[in-house]
Amino acid sequence: MAEETNKYVTACLSLFYAKFFSCFLFSCFMCYSLSVTGMSLNF
């Protein structure tokens, strides 16, 4: 029983971290592309 709960908690945590990490990477990518676009527009 404890092992099943542990698996469930681990799966939920990994899913949460995957979502958080993908959102983090996406925002980093958006900030980077925005700054690159701003720099190319300034020059």
Protein backbone atom coordinates (compact mmCIF):
# COMPACT_ATOMS: atom_id res chain seq x y z
CA MET A 1 0.00 0.00 0.00
CA ALA A 2 2.74 2.43 0.92
CA GLU A 3 4.66 1.61 -2.25
CA GLU A 4 1.59 2.30 -4.40
CA THR A 5 1.09 5.67 -2.70
CA ASN A 6 4.77 6.42 -3.15
CA LYS A 7 4.55 5.65 -6.88
CA TYR A 8 1.49 7.87 -7.20
CA VAL A 9 3.15 10.77 -5.37
CA THR A 10 6.31 10.37 -7.46
CA ALA A 11 4.28 10.39 -10.68
CA CYS A 12 2.38 13.52 -9.62
CA LEU A 13 5.60 15.27 -8.60
CA SER A 14 7.35 14.39 -11.85
CA LEU A 15 4.36 15.61 -13.85
CA PHE A 16 4.28 18.86 -11.87
CA TYR A 17 8.02 19.39 -12.32
CA ALA A 18 7.79 18.61 -16.04
CA LYS A 19 5.04 21.23 -16.46
CA PHE A 20 6.94 23.77 -14.36
CA PHE A 21 10.20 23.11 -16.22
CA SER A 22 8.57 23.40 -19.65
CA CYS A 23 6.89 26.67 -18.63
CA PHE A 24 10.23 27.93 -17.30
CA LEU A 25 12.04 27.00 -20.53
CA PHE A 26 9.27 28.57 -22.62
CA SER A 27 9.41 31.87 -20.71
CA CYS A 28 13.21 31.89 -20.94
CA PHE A 29 12.96 31.31 -24.69
CA MET A 30 10.35 34.07 -25.07
CA CYS A 31 12.45 36.55 -23.07
CA TYR A 32 15.52 35.64 -25.14
CA SER A 33 13.75 36.02 -28.48
CA LEU A 34 12.17 39.29 -27.36
CA SER A 35 15.54 40.71 -26.30
CA VAL A 36 17.15 39.55 -29.56
CA THR A 37 14.33 41.14 -31.56
CA GLY A 38 14.67 44.36 -29.55
CA MET A 39 18.42 44.48 -30.12
CA SER A 40 18.05 43.85 -33.86
CA LEU A 41 15.40 46.58 -34.04
CA ASN A 42 17.62 49.03 -32.18
CA PHE A 43 20.57 48.54 -34.52
